[in-house]
């Protein structure tokens, strides 16, 4: 049994991670300030004596005794991270410094949830971990992109200078149940619009591509990386199957039986044209690759949002 800290543990991915780690007989401390996280996501865990919920902002220090730290605290949707961009970059930078300081003090292993956004609008396709990225440092997305890039720098420098035991993962588009209704990312946006029979908003001509990883697959990769010896990363975790945004919109309309029409809007600044992970390293080092394909994952996610919208309308 390990004592494990999950920052952002009441969030979409964090809550699934807490659930899985509890099922593996660990003690979990879930840390969240509930900016984008929700108590609904972890309510079913609260009666478990091995689960502890702490309301806390990672930009402030905290003293704990733990064996492992999964550092997931940061808004990940453009809608949320652009709402307060200064707080977003403070969360990535100061929050990571605080968690690294804790890891150094108690000799815990720490895993950083970085992001495919470190590649920016990539000039290399698909993206390998060796690619340094094409990021606009003064754009409207840079509070998140550059925040995570600095967080990776901090991880490496604490490792090289202080011998902190680190792991870095770069998460590509992930979807599934427990995404917030106001998440603002493409999968949740399209599903909610389709379920409400509203126009589905596609930016640009919909030719930009993404790859979509179901949350259960991602959690498998995260835990494998944390427990892998002698490999610190970074490592891409995502589904390498690539779809255009227009293909996703059409698939959601089909699976929901919606009457929605597709509406085209101007492309936002710095929106990546292509985003697809090369997961060769994850296959080699972690023996990991995703199993849930898009149709199957979307059906589960649509069922969740359908129930969530019904609850919200009561």
C-alpha atoms as a PDB file:
ATOM      1  CA  UNK A   1       0.000   0.000   0.000  1.00  0.00           C
ATOM      2  CA  UNK A   2       1.300   3.426  -1.002  1.00  0.00           C
ATOM      3  CA  UNK A   3       0.218   6.851   0.213  1.00  0.00           C
ATOM      4  CA  UNK A   4      -0.466   8.796  -2.977  1.00  0.00           C
ATOM      5  CA  UNK A   5      -1.238  12.465  -3.605  1.00  0.00           C
ATOM      6  CA  UNK A   6      -3.313  13.371  -6.670  1.00  0.00           C
ATOM      7  CA  UNK A   7      -3.455  17.104  -7.346  1.00  0.00           C
ATOM      8  CA  UNK A   8      -6.506  18.052  -9.412  1.00  0.00           C
ATOM      9  CA  UNK A   9      -7.975  14.783  -8.159  1.00  0.00           C
ATOM     10  CA  UNK A  10     -11.596  15.940  -8.441  1.00  0.00           C
ATOM     11  CA  UNK A  11     -11.148  16.771 -12.113  1.00  0.00           C
ATOM     12  CA  UNK A  12     -12.121  14.709 -15.139  1.00  0.00           C
ATOM     13  CA  UNK A  13      -8.936  12.625 -15.455  1.00  0.00           C
ATOM     14  CA  UNK A  14      -7.884  13.007 -11.809  1.00  0.00           C
ATOM     15  CA  UNK A  15     -11.082  11.431 -10.482  1.00  0.00           C
ATOM     16  CA  UNK A  16     -10.646   8.316 -12.635  1.00  0.00           C
ATOM     17  CA  UNK A  17      -7.046   8.129 -11.457  1.00  0.00           C
ATOM     18  CA  UNK A  18      -8.103   8.346  -7.769  1.00  0.00           C
ATOM     19  CA  UNK A  19     -10.689   5.633  -8.348  1.00  0.00           C
ATOM     20  CA  UNK A  20      -8.192   3.263 -10.002  1.00  0.00           C
ATOM     21  CA  UNK A  21      -5.473   3.844  -7.392  1.00  0.00           C
ATOM     22  CA  UNK A  22      -7.962   3.173  -4.576  1.00  0.00           C
ATOM     23  CA  UNK A  23      -9.003  -0.071  -6.273  1.00  0.00           C
ATOM     24  CA  UNK A  24      -5.327  -1.072  -6.129  1.00  0.00           C
ATOM     25  CA  UNK A  25      -5.405  -0.719  -2.300  1.00  0.00           C
ATOM     26  CA  UNK A  26      -3.554   2.574  -1.948  1.00  0.00           C
ATOM     27  CA  UNK A  27      -4.265   5.479   0.391  1.00  0.00           C
ATOM     28  CA  UNK A  28      -5.236   8.537  -1.649  1.00  0.00           C
ATOM     29  CA  UNK A  29      -5.082  12.230  -0.805  1.00  0.00           C
ATOM     30  CA  UNK A  30      -7.108  14.134  -3.397  1.00  0.00           C
ATOM     31  CA  UNK A  31      -6.137  17.808  -3.603  1.00  0.00           C
ATOM     32  CA  UNK A  32      -8.360  20.222  -5.539  1.00  0.00           C
ATOM     33  CA  UNK A  33      -9.433  23.878  -5.426  1.00  0.00           C
ATOM     34  CA  UNK A  34     -12.611  23.087  -7.430  1.00  0.00           C
ATOM     35  CA  UNK A  35     -12.060  25.671 -10.146  1.00  0.00           C
ATOM     36  CA  UNK A  36     -12.740  23.054 -12.804  1.00  0.00           C
ATOM     37  CA  UNK A  37     -12.957  19.956 -10.592  1.00  0.00           C
ATOM     38  CA  UNK A  38     -16.256  18.829  -9.078  1.00  0.00           C
ATOM     39  CA  UNK A  39     -17.240  16.993  -5.902  1.00  0.00           C
ATOM     40  CA  UNK A  40     -19.670  15.006  -8.052  1.00  0.00           C
ATOM     41  CA  UNK A  41     -16.685  13.287  -9.646  1.00  0.00           C
ATOM     42  CA  UNK A  42     -15.378  11.895  -6.352  1.00  0.00           C
ATOM     43  CA  UNK A  43     -18.520  11.776  -4.174  1.00  0.00           C
ATOM     44  CA  UNK A  44     -18.693   7.980  -4.489  1.00  0.00           C
ATOM     45  CA  UNK A  45     -15.178   7.763  -3.014  1.00  0.00           C
ATOM     46  CA  UNK A  46     -15.764   9.887   0.091  1.00  0.00           C
ATOM     47  CA  UNK A  47     -16.928   7.008   2.304  1.00  0.00           C
ATOM     48  CA  UNK A  48     -13.781   5.010   1.562  1.00  0.00           C
ATOM     49  CA  UNK A  49     -11.522   5.218   4.623  1.00  0.00           C
ATOM     50  CA  UNK A  50      -8.460   5.185   2.382  1.00  0.00           C
ATOM     51  CA  UNK A  51      -9.599   8.348   0.550  1.00  0.00           C
ATOM     52  CA  UNK A  52      -9.060  11.865   1.862  1.00  0.00           C
ATOM     53  CA  UNK A  53     -10.254  15.051   0.151  1.00  0.00           C
ATOM     54  CA  UNK A  54      -8.400  18.319   0.800  1.00  0.00           C
ATOM     55  CA  UNK A  55      -9.558  21.635  -0.650  1.00  0.00           C
ATOM     56  CA  UNK A  56      -6.341  23.399  -1.528  1.00  0.00           C
ATOM     57  CA  UNK A  57      -4.741  25.503  -4.258  1.00  0.00           C
ATOM     58  CA  UNK A  58      -1.350  24.184  -5.402  1.00  0.00           C
ATOM     59  CA  UNK A  59      -0.012  27.714  -5.835  1.00  0.00           C
ATOM     60  CA  UNK A  60       0.188  27.622  -2.020  1.00  0.00           C
ATOM     61  CA  UNK A  61       2.602  25.207  -0.342  1.00  0.00           C
ATOM     62  CA  UNK A  62       1.411  22.202   1.645  1.00  0.00           C
ATOM     63  CA  UNK A  63       3.149  19.751   3.997  1.00  0.00           C
ATOM     64  CA  UNK A  64       2.257  16.088   3.517  1.00  0.00           C
ATOM     65  CA  UNK A  65       3.912  12.688   3.836  1.00  0.00           C
ATOM     66  CA  UNK A  66       3.404  10.715   0.613  1.00  0.00           C
ATOM     67  CA  UNK A  67       5.162   8.090  -1.521  1.00  0.00           C
ATOM     68  CA  UNK A  68       3.968   9.259  -4.938  1.00  0.00           C
ATOM     69  CA  UNK A  69       2.560  12.486  -6.416  1.00  0.00           C
ATOM     70  CA  UNK A  70       0.406  12.604  -9.551  1.00  0.00           C
ATOM     71  CA  UNK A  71       0.445  16.309 -10.433  1.00  0.00           C
ATOM     72  CA  UNK A  72      -2.684  17.054 -12.506  1.00  0.00           C
ATOM     73  CA  UNK A  73      -3.789  20.408 -11.087  1.00  0.00           C
ATOM     74  CA  UNK A  74      -4.360  22.872 -13.941  1.00  0.00           C
ATOM     75  CA  UNK A  75      -7.341  23.862 -16.098  1.00  0.00           C
ATOM     76  CA  UNK A  76      -6.913  22.114 -19.456  1.00  0.00           C
ATOM     77  CA  UNK A  77      -9.695  23.579 -21.598  1.00  0.00           C
ATOM     78  CA  UNK A  78      -9.127  26.866 -23.502  1.00  0.00           C
ATOM     79  CA  UNK A  79     -12.398  28.228 -22.080  1.00  0.00           C
ATOM     80  CA  UNK A  80     -11.126  27.710 -18.534  1.00  0.00           C
ATOM     81  CA  UNK A  81      -7.429  28.437 -18.862  1.00  0.00           C
ATOM     82  CA  UNK A  82      -8.071  31.664 -20.809  1.00  0.00           C
ATOM     83  CA  UNK A  83     -10.603  32.828 -18.184  1.00  0.00           C
ATOM     84  CA  UNK A  84      -7.733  33.748 -15.854  1.00  0.00           C
ATOM     85  CA  UNK A  85      -4.512  33.327 -17.823  1.00  0.00           C
ATOM     86  CA  UNK A  86      -2.279  34.715 -15.058  1.00  0.00           C
ATOM     87  CA  UNK A  87      -3.655  32.173 -12.580  1.00  0.00           C
ATOM     88  CA  UNK A  88      -3.234  29.419 -15.186  1.00  0.00           C
ATOM     89  CA  UNK A  89       0.484  30.040 -15.629  1.00  0.00           C
ATOM     90  CA  UNK A  90       0.928  30.468 -11.870  1.00  0.00           C
ATOM     91  CA  UNK A  91      -0.703  27.065 -11.377  1.00  0.00           C
ATOM     92  CA  UNK A  92       1.688  25.428 -13.839  1.00  0.00           C
ATOM     93  CA  UNK A  93       4.812  27.185 -12.567  1.00  0.00           C
ATOM     94  CA  UNK A  94       4.302  27.834  -8.839  1.00  0.00           C
ATOM     95  CA  UNK A  95       2.176  24.721  -8.404  1.00  0.00           C
ATOM     96  CA  UNK A  96       4.875  22.560  -9.965  1.00  0.00           C
ATOM     97  CA  UNK A  97       7.594  24.207  -7.850  1.00  0.00           C
ATOM     98  CA  UNK A  98       5.547  23.483  -4.718  1.00  0.00           C
ATOM     99  CA  UNK A  99       4.928  19.851  -5.681  1.00  0.00           C
ATOM    100  CA  UNK A 100       8.597  19.334  -6.617  1.00  0.00           C
ATOM    101  CA  UNK A 101       9.632  20.857  -3.291  1.00  0.00           C
ATOM    102  CA  UNK A 102       7.338  18.403  -1.526  1.00  0.00           C
ATOM    103  CA  UNK A 103       8.690  15.484  -3.574  1.00  0.00           C
ATOM    104  CA  UNK A 104      12.259  16.530  -2.779  1.00  0.00           C
ATOM    105  CA  UNK A 105      11.534  16.865   0.948  1.00  0.00           C
ATOM    106  CA  UNK A 106       9.783  13.506   1.428  1.00  0.00           C
ATOM    107  CA  UNK A 107      11.634  11.658  -1.387  1.00  0.00           C
ATOM    108  CA  UNK A 108       8.445  10.916  -3.284  1.00  0.00           C
ATOM    109  CA  UNK A 109       8.235  10.052  -6.955  1.00  0.00           C
ATOM    110  CA  UNK A 110       6.368  12.751  -8.891  1.00  0.00           C
ATOM    111  CA  UNK A 111       4.596  12.463 -12.249  1.00  0.00           C
ATOM    112  CA  UNK A 112       3.750  15.617 -14.206  1.00  0.00           C
ATOM    113  CA  UNK A 113       0.689  15.672 -16.411  1.00  0.00           C
ATOM    114  CA  UNK A 114       2.087  17.712 -19.280  1.00  0.00           C
ATOM    115  CA  UNK A 115       0.295  18.094 -22.579  1.00  0.00           C
ATOM    116  CA  UNK A 116       0.494  17.822 -26.345  1.00  0.00           C
ATOM    117  CA  UNK A 117       0.108  21.618 -26.281  1.00  0.00           C
ATOM    118  CA  UNK A 118       3.865  21.826 -25.671  1.00  0.00           C
ATOM    119  CA  UNK A 119       4.165  21.045 -29.405  1.00  0.00           C
ATOM    120  CA  UNK A 120       2.054  24.115 -30.262  1.00  0.00           C
ATOM    121  CA  UNK A 121       0.953  24.225 -33.913  1.00  0.00           C
ATOM    122  CA  UNK A 122       3.370  21.479 -34.954  1.00  0.00           C
ATOM    123  CA  UNK A 123       5.513  21.513 -38.073  1.00  0.00           C
ATOM    124  CA  UNK A 124       6.287  17.810 -37.553  1.00  0.00           C
ATOM    125  CA  UNK A 125       3.581  15.184 -38.020  1.00  0.00           C
ATOM    126  CA  UNK A 126       2.936  12.962 -36.151  1.00  0.00           C
ATOM    127  CA  UNK A 127       4.637  14.423 -33.089  1.00  0.00           C
ATOM    128  CA  UNK A 128       7.468  12.540 -31.388  1.00  0.00           C
ATOM    129  CA  UNK A 129       8.867  13.353 -27.965  1.00  0.00           C
ATOM    130  CA  UNK A 130      12.070  14.617 -29.624  1.00  0.00           C
ATOM    131  CA  UNK A 131      10.158  17.477 -31.322  1.00  0.00           C
ATOM    132  CA  UNK A 132      10.669  20.824 -29.558  1.00  0.00           C
ATOM    133  CA  UNK A 133       7.442  22.381 -30.735  1.00  0.00           C
ATOM    134  CA  UNK A 134       6.173  25.524 -32.466  1.00  0.00           C
ATOM    135  CA  UNK A 135       4.576  27.610 -29.727  1.00  0.00           C
ATOM    136  CA  UNK A 136       3.600  31.281 -29.847  1.00  0.00           C
ATOM    137  CA  UNK A 137       4.959  32.630 -26.523  1.00  0.00           C
ATOM    138  CA  UNK A 138       2.712  35.719 -26.574  1.00  0.00           C
ATOM    139  CA  UNK A 139      -0.525  34.207 -27.917  1.00  0.00           C
ATOM    140  CA  UNK A 140      -3.818  33.689 -26.118  1.00  0.00           C
ATOM    141  CA  UNK A 141      -3.033  29.991 -25.549  1.00  0.00           C
ATOM    142  CA  UNK A 142       0.491  30.572 -24.247  1.00  0.00           C
ATOM    143  CA  UNK A 143      -0.560  30.779 -20.573  1.00  0.00           C
ATOM    144  CA  UNK A 144      -1.231  27.035 -20.828  1.00  0.00           C
ATOM    145  CA  UNK A 145       1.285  25.999 -23.516  1.00  0.00           C
ATOM    146  CA  UNK A 146       4.252  27.839 -22.038  1.00  0.00           C
ATOM    147  CA  UNK A 147       3.150  27.081 -18.472  1.00  0.00           C
ATOM    148  CA  UNK A 148       3.417  23.370 -19.172  1.00  0.00           C
ATOM    149  CA  UNK A 149       6.707  23.799 -21.016  1.00  0.00           C
ATOM    150  CA  UNK A 150       8.145  25.582 -17.963  1.00  0.00           C
ATOM    151  CA  UNK A 151       6.709  22.850 -15.734  1.00  0.00           C
ATOM    152  CA  UNK A 152       8.641  20.270 -17.772  1.00  0.00           C
ATOM    153  CA  UNK A 153      11.801  22.397 -17.434  1.00  0.00           C
ATOM    154  CA  UNK A 154      11.331  22.534 -13.657  1.00  0.00           C
ATOM    155  CA  UNK A 155      10.860  18.768 -13.495  1.00  0.00           C
ATOM    156  CA  UNK A 156      14.096  18.147 -15.385  1.00  0.00           C
ATOM    157  CA  UNK A 157      16.082  20.710 -13.389  1.00  0.00           C
ATOM    158  CA  UNK A 158      14.912  19.343 -10.029  1.00  0.00           C
ATOM    159  CA  UNK A 159      15.871  15.888 -11.300  1.00  0.00           C
ATOM    160  CA  UNK A 160      19.322  16.940 -12.508  1.00  0.00           C
ATOM    161  CA  UNK A 161      20.130  19.275  -9.609  1.00  0.00           C
ATOM    162  CA  UNK A 162      18.420  17.546  -6.665  1.00  0.00           C
ATOM    163  CA  UNK A 163      17.987  13.975  -7.915  1.00  0.00           C
ATOM    164  CA  UNK A 164      14.191  14.158  -7.542  1.00  0.00           C
ATOM    165  CA  UNK A 165      12.500  11.009  -8.896  1.00  0.00           C
ATOM    166  CA  UNK A 166      10.384  12.311 -11.793  1.00  0.00           C
ATOM    167  CA  UNK A 167       8.111  11.152 -14.615  1.00  0.00           C
ATOM    168  CA  UNK A 168       6.743  13.321 -17.462  1.00  0.00           C
ATOM    169  CA  UNK A 169       3.776  12.404 -19.645  1.00  0.00           C
ATOM    170  CA  UNK A 170       2.367  14.443 -22.526  1.00  0.00           C
ATOM    171  CA  UNK A 171      -1.381  13.898 -22.726  1.00  0.00           C
ATOM    172  CA  UNK A 172      -3.164  14.237 -26.072  1.00  0.00           C
ATOM    173  CA  UNK A 173      -6.912  14.919 -26.464  1.00  0.00           C
ATOM    174  CA  UNK A 174      -8.767  12.790 -23.918  1.00  0.00           C
ATOM    175  CA  UNK A 175     -12.510  12.352 -23.539  1.00  0.00           C
ATOM    176  CA  UNK A 176     -15.037  10.336 -21.564  1.00  0.00           C
ATOM    177  CA  UNK A 177     -17.583  10.537 -18.736  1.00  0.00           C
ATOM    178  CA  UNK A 178     -17.142  13.216 -16.037  1.00  0.00           C
ATOM    179  CA  UNK A 179     -16.094  15.929 -18.475  1.00  0.00           C
ATOM    180  CA  UNK A 180     -17.750  19.146 -17.312  1.00  0.00           C
ATOM    181  CA  UNK A 181     -20.843  20.342 -19.168  1.00  0.00           C
ATOM    182  CA  UNK A 182     -19.053  23.659 -19.735  1.00  0.00           C
ATOM    183  CA  UNK A 183     -15.711  22.001 -20.524  1.00  0.00           C
ATOM    184  CA  UNK A 184     -15.461  23.825 -23.844  1.00  0.00           C
ATOM    185  CA  UNK A 185     -13.379  21.216 -25.669  1.00  0.00           C
ATOM    186  CA  UNK A 186     -14.474  19.783 -28.950  1.00  0.00           C
ATOM    187  CA  UNK A 187     -15.880  16.380 -27.896  1.00  0.00           C
ATOM    188  CA  UNK A 188     -18.031  17.735 -25.068  1.00  0.00           C
ATOM    189  CA  UNK A 189     -19.111  20.766 -27.144  1.00  0.00           C
ATOM    190  CA  UNK A 190     -20.260  18.608 -30.061  1.00  0.00           C
ATOM    191  CA  UNK A 191     -22.082  16.063 -27.878  1.00  0.00           C
ATOM    192  CA  UNK A 192     -23.980  18.706 -25.901  1.00  0.00           C
ATOM    193  CA  UNK A 193     -24.916  20.640 -29.038  1.00  0.00           C
ATOM    194  CA  UNK A 194     -26.081  17.417 -30.721  1.00  0.00           C
ATOM    195  CA  UNK A 195     -28.128  16.280 -27.717  1.00  0.00           C
ATOM    196  CA  UNK A 196     -29.828  19.700 -27.659  1.00  0.00           C
ATOM    197  CA  UNK A 197     -30.319  19.629 -31.460  1.00  0.00           C
ATOM    198  CA  UNK A 198     -28.413  22.908 -31.692  1.00  0.00           C
ATOM    199  CA  UNK A 199     -26.032  23.922 -34.484  1.00  0.00           C
ATOM    200  CA  UNK A 200     -22.688  22.168 -34.127  1.00  0.00           C
ATOM    201  CA  UNK A 201     -19.991  24.829 -34.262  1.00  0.00           C
ATOM    202  CA  UNK A 202     -16.971  23.865 -36.376  1.00  0.00           C
ATOM    203  CA  UNK A 203     -14.093  26.336 -36.531  1.00  0.00           C
ATOM    204  CA  UNK A 204     -12.496  27.002 -39.907  1.00  0.00           C
ATOM    205  CA  UNK A 205     -13.457  24.421 -42.531  1.00  0.00           C
ATOM    206  CA  UNK A 206     -13.153  21.517 -40.084  1.00  0.00           C
ATOM    207  CA  UNK A 207     -10.084  20.124 -41.856  1.00  0.00           C
ATOM    208  CA  UNK A 208      -7.862  20.424 -38.779  1.00  0.00           C
ATOM    209  CA  UNK A 209      -7.190  16.990 -37.279  1.00  0.00           C
ATOM    210  CA  UNK A 210      -7.064  15.576 -33.769  1.00  0.00           C
ATOM    211  CA  UNK A 211      -6.683  12.176 -32.135  1.00  0.00           C
ATOM    212  CA  UNK A 212      -9.001  11.220 -29.279  1.00  0.00           C
ATOM    213  CA  UNK A 213      -8.049   8.924 -26.392  1.00  0.00           C
ATOM    214  CA  UNK A 214     -10.680   7.412 -24.098  1.00  0.00           C
ATOM    215  CA  UNK A 215     -10.018   8.159 -20.422  1.00  0.00           C
ATOM    216  CA  UNK A 216      -9.706   4.507 -19.284  1.00  0.00           C
ATOM    217  CA  UNK A 217      -6.907   3.926 -21.786  1.00  0.00           C
ATOM    218  CA  UNK A 218      -5.126   7.067 -20.631  1.00  0.00           C
ATOM    219  CA  UNK A 219      -5.292   6.080 -16.946  1.00  0.00           C
ATOM    220  CA  UNK A 220      -3.712   2.720 -17.794  1.00  0.00           C
ATOM    221  CA  UNK A 221      -0.815   4.569 -19.433  1.00  0.00           C
ATOM    222  CA  UNK A 222      -0.441   7.041 -16.557  1.00  0.00           C
ATOM    223  CA  UNK A 223      -0.148   4.333 -13.902  1.00  0.00           C
ATOM    224  CA  UNK A 224       2.210   2.272 -16.070  1.00  0.00           C
ATOM    225  CA  UNK A 225       4.485   5.292 -16.443  1.00  0.00           C
ATOM    226  CA  UNK A 226       4.485   6.088 -12.707  1.00  0.00           C
ATOM    227  CA  UNK A 227       5.580   2.547 -11.855  1.00  0.00           C
ATOM    228  CA  UNK A 228       8.140   2.141 -14.653  1.00  0.00           C
ATOM    229  CA  UNK A 229      11.709   2.154 -13.392  1.00  0.00           C
ATOM    230  CA  UNK A 230      14.644   3.852 -15.119  1.00  0.00           C
ATOM    231  CA  UNK A 231      12.566   5.837 -17.610  1.00  0.00           C
ATOM    232  CA  UNK A 232      11.578   9.396 -16.820  1.00  0.00           C
ATOM    233  CA  UNK A 233      10.078  10.473 -20.149  1.00  0.00           C
ATOM    234  CA  UNK A 234       8.672  12.596 -21.524  1.00  0.00           C
ATOM    235  CA  UNK A 235       6.333  10.118 -23.176  1.00  0.00           C
ATOM    236  CA  UNK A 236       3.310  10.753 -25.401  1.00  0.00           C
ATOM    237  CA  UNK A 237       0.035   9.231 -24.194  1.00  0.00           C
ATOM    238  CA  UNK A 238      -2.793   9.443 -26.712  1.00  0.00           C
ATOM    239  CA  UNK A 239      -4.659   7.554 -29.389  1.00  0.00           C
ATOM    240  CA  UNK A 240      -2.749   7.707 -32.701  1.00  0.00           C
ATOM    241  CA  UNK A 241      -5.905   7.339 -34.827  1.00  0.00           C
ATOM    242  CA  UNK A 242      -6.452  10.714 -36.515  1.00  0.00           C
ATOM    243  CA  UNK A 243      -9.802  12.323 -37.398  1.00  0.00           C
ATOM    244  CA  UNK A 244     -10.721  15.707 -38.815  1.00  0.00           C
ATOM    245  CA  UNK A 245     -12.970  17.906 -36.698  1.00  0.00           C
ATOM    246  CA  UNK A 246     -15.630  17.657 -39.416  1.00  0.00           C
ATOM    247  CA  UNK A 247     -15.481  13.831 -39.253  1.00  0.00           C
ATOM    248  CA  UNK A 248     -15.945  14.027 -35.476  1.00  0.00           C
ATOM    249  CA  UNK A 249     -18.960  16.330 -35.856  1.00  0.00           C
ATOM    250  CA  UNK A 250     -20.591  13.996 -38.377  1.00  0.00           C
ATOM    251  CA  UNK A 251     -19.905  10.964 -36.171  1.00  0.00           C
ATOM    252  CA  UNK A 252     -21.484  12.648 -33.115  1.00  0.00           C
ATOM    253  CA  UNK A 253     -24.590  13.609 -35.129  1.00  0.00           C
ATOM    254  CA  UNK A 254     -24.900  10.022 -36.326  1.00  0.00           C
ATOM    255  CA  UNK A 255     -24.440   8.421 -32.874  1.00  0.00           C
ATOM    256  CA  UNK A 256     -26.866  10.790 -31.135  1.00  0.00           C
ATOM    257  CA  UNK A 257     -29.481  10.714 -33.908  1.00  0.00           C
ATOM    258  CA  UNK A 258     -29.427  14.504 -33.719  1.00  0.00           C
ATOM    259  CA  UNK A 259     -31.119  16.986 -36.026  1.00  0.00           C
ATOM    260  CA  UNK A 260     -28.190  19.394 -35.623  1.00  0.00           C
ATOM    261  CA  UNK A 261     -26.747  21.257 -38.592  1.00  0.00           C
ATOM    262  CA  UNK A 262     -23.044  22.112 -38.883  1.00  0.00           C
ATOM    263  CA  UNK A 263     -22.220  25.809 -38.531  1.00  0.00           C
ATOM    264  CA  UNK A 264     -18.786  27.118 -39.575  1.00  0.00           C
ATOM    265  CA  UNK A 265     -17.071  29.854 -37.534  1.00  0.00           C
ATOM    266  CA  UNK A 266     -13.696  31.628 -37.902  1.00  0.00           C
ATOM    267  CA  UNK A 267     -10.659  29.661 -36.707  1.00  0.00           C
ATOM    268  CA  UNK A 268      -9.312  30.845 -33.285  1.00  0.00           C
ATOM    269  CA  UNK A 269      -5.776  32.218 -32.976  1.00  0.00           C
ATOM    270  CA  UNK A 270      -3.012  29.562 -32.755  1.00  0.00           C
ATOM    271  CA  UNK A 271      -5.421  26.657 -33.147  1.00  0.00           C
ATOM    272  CA  UNK A 272      -3.205  23.694 -34.206  1.00  0.00           C
ATOM    273  CA  UNK A 273      -3.790  22.396 -37.737  1.00  0.00           C
ATOM    274  CA  UNK A 274      -2.729  18.833 -36.941  1.00  0.00           C
ATOM    275  CA  UNK A 275      -2.302  16.974 -33.672  1.00  0.00           C
ATOM    276  CA  UNK A 276      -1.424  13.271 -33.627  1.00  0.00           C
ATOM    277  CA  UNK A 277       0.857  11.416 -31.216  1.00  0.00           C
ATOM    278  CA  UNK A 278       3.628   9.097 -32.214  1.00  0.00           C
ATOM    279  CA  UNK A 279       3.336   6.511 -29.408  1.00  0.00           C
ATOM    280  CA  UNK A 280       6.287   4.314 -30.410  1.00  0.00           C
ATOM    281  CA  UNK A 281       8.060   5.184 -27.152  1.00  0.00           C
ATOM    282  CA  UNK A 282       5.001   4.307 -25.021  1.00  0.00           C
ATOM    283  CA  UNK A 283       4.713   0.987 -26.830  1.00  0.00           C
ATOM    284  CA  UNK A 284       8.396   0.245 -26.293  1.00  0.00           C
ATOM    285  CA  UNK A 285       8.874   1.447 -22.705  1.00  0.00           C
ATOM    286  CA  UNK A 286       5.417   0.890 -21.187  1.00  0.00           C
ATOM    287  CA  UNK A 287       3.991  -1.840 -23.411  1.00  0.00           C
ATOM    288  CA  UNK A 288       1.001   0.502 -23.710  1.00  0.00           C
ATOM    289  CA  UNK A 289      -1.392   1.452 -26.437  1.00  0.00           C
ATOM    290  CA  UNK A 290      -5.064   2.451 -26.370  1.00  0.00           C
ATOM    291  CA  UNK A 291      -7.761  -0.186 -26.909  1.00  0.00           C
ATOM    292  CA  UNK A 292     -11.012   1.821 -26.943  1.00  0.00           C
ATOM    293  CA  UNK A 293     -11.841   3.101 -30.430  1.00  0.00           C
ATOM    294  CA  UNK A 294     -13.722   6.317 -31.096  1.00  0.00           C
ATOM    295  CA  UNK A 295     -17.221   4.931 -31.740  1.00  0.00           C
ATOM    296  CA  UNK A 296     -17.194   2.848 -28.545  1.00  0.00           C
ATOM    297  CA  UNK A 297     -15.833   5.683 -26.413  1.00  0.00           C
ATOM    298  CA  UNK A 298     -18.242   8.239 -27.865  1.00  0.00           C
ATOM    299  CA  UNK A 299     -21.241   6.011 -27.087  1.00  0.00           C
ATOM    300  CA  UNK A 300     -20.222   5.857 -23.400  1.00  0.00           C
ATOM    301  CA  UNK A 301     -19.533   9.589 -23.300  1.00  0.00           C
ATOM    302  CA  UNK A 302     -22.843  10.444 -25.008  1.00  0.00           C
ATOM    303  CA  UNK A 303     -24.727   8.305 -22.458  1.00  0.00           C
ATOM    304  CA  UNK A 304     -23.016  10.200 -19.632  1.00  0.00           C
ATOM    305  CA  UNK A 305     -23.810  13.642 -21.055  1.00  0.00           C
ATOM    306  CA  UNK A 306     -27.394  12.626 -21.816  1.00  0.00           C
ATOM    307  CA  UNK A 307     -27.896  11.715 -18.134  1.00  0.00           C
ATOM    308  CA  UNK A 308     -26.021  14.826 -16.936  1.00  0.00           C
ATOM    309  CA  UNK A 309     -28.186  17.133 -19.077  1.00  0.00           C
ATOM    310  CA  UNK A 310     -31.331  15.434 -17.764  1.00  0.00           C
ATOM    311  CA  UNK A 311     -30.163  16.007 -14.176  1.00  0.00           C
ATOM    312  CA  UNK A 312     -29.300  19.637 -14.925  1.00  0.00           C
ATOM    313  CA  UNK A 313     -32.769  20.256 -16.412  1.00  0.00           C
ATOM    314  CA  UNK A 314     -34.679  18.881 -13.429  1.00  0.00           C
END
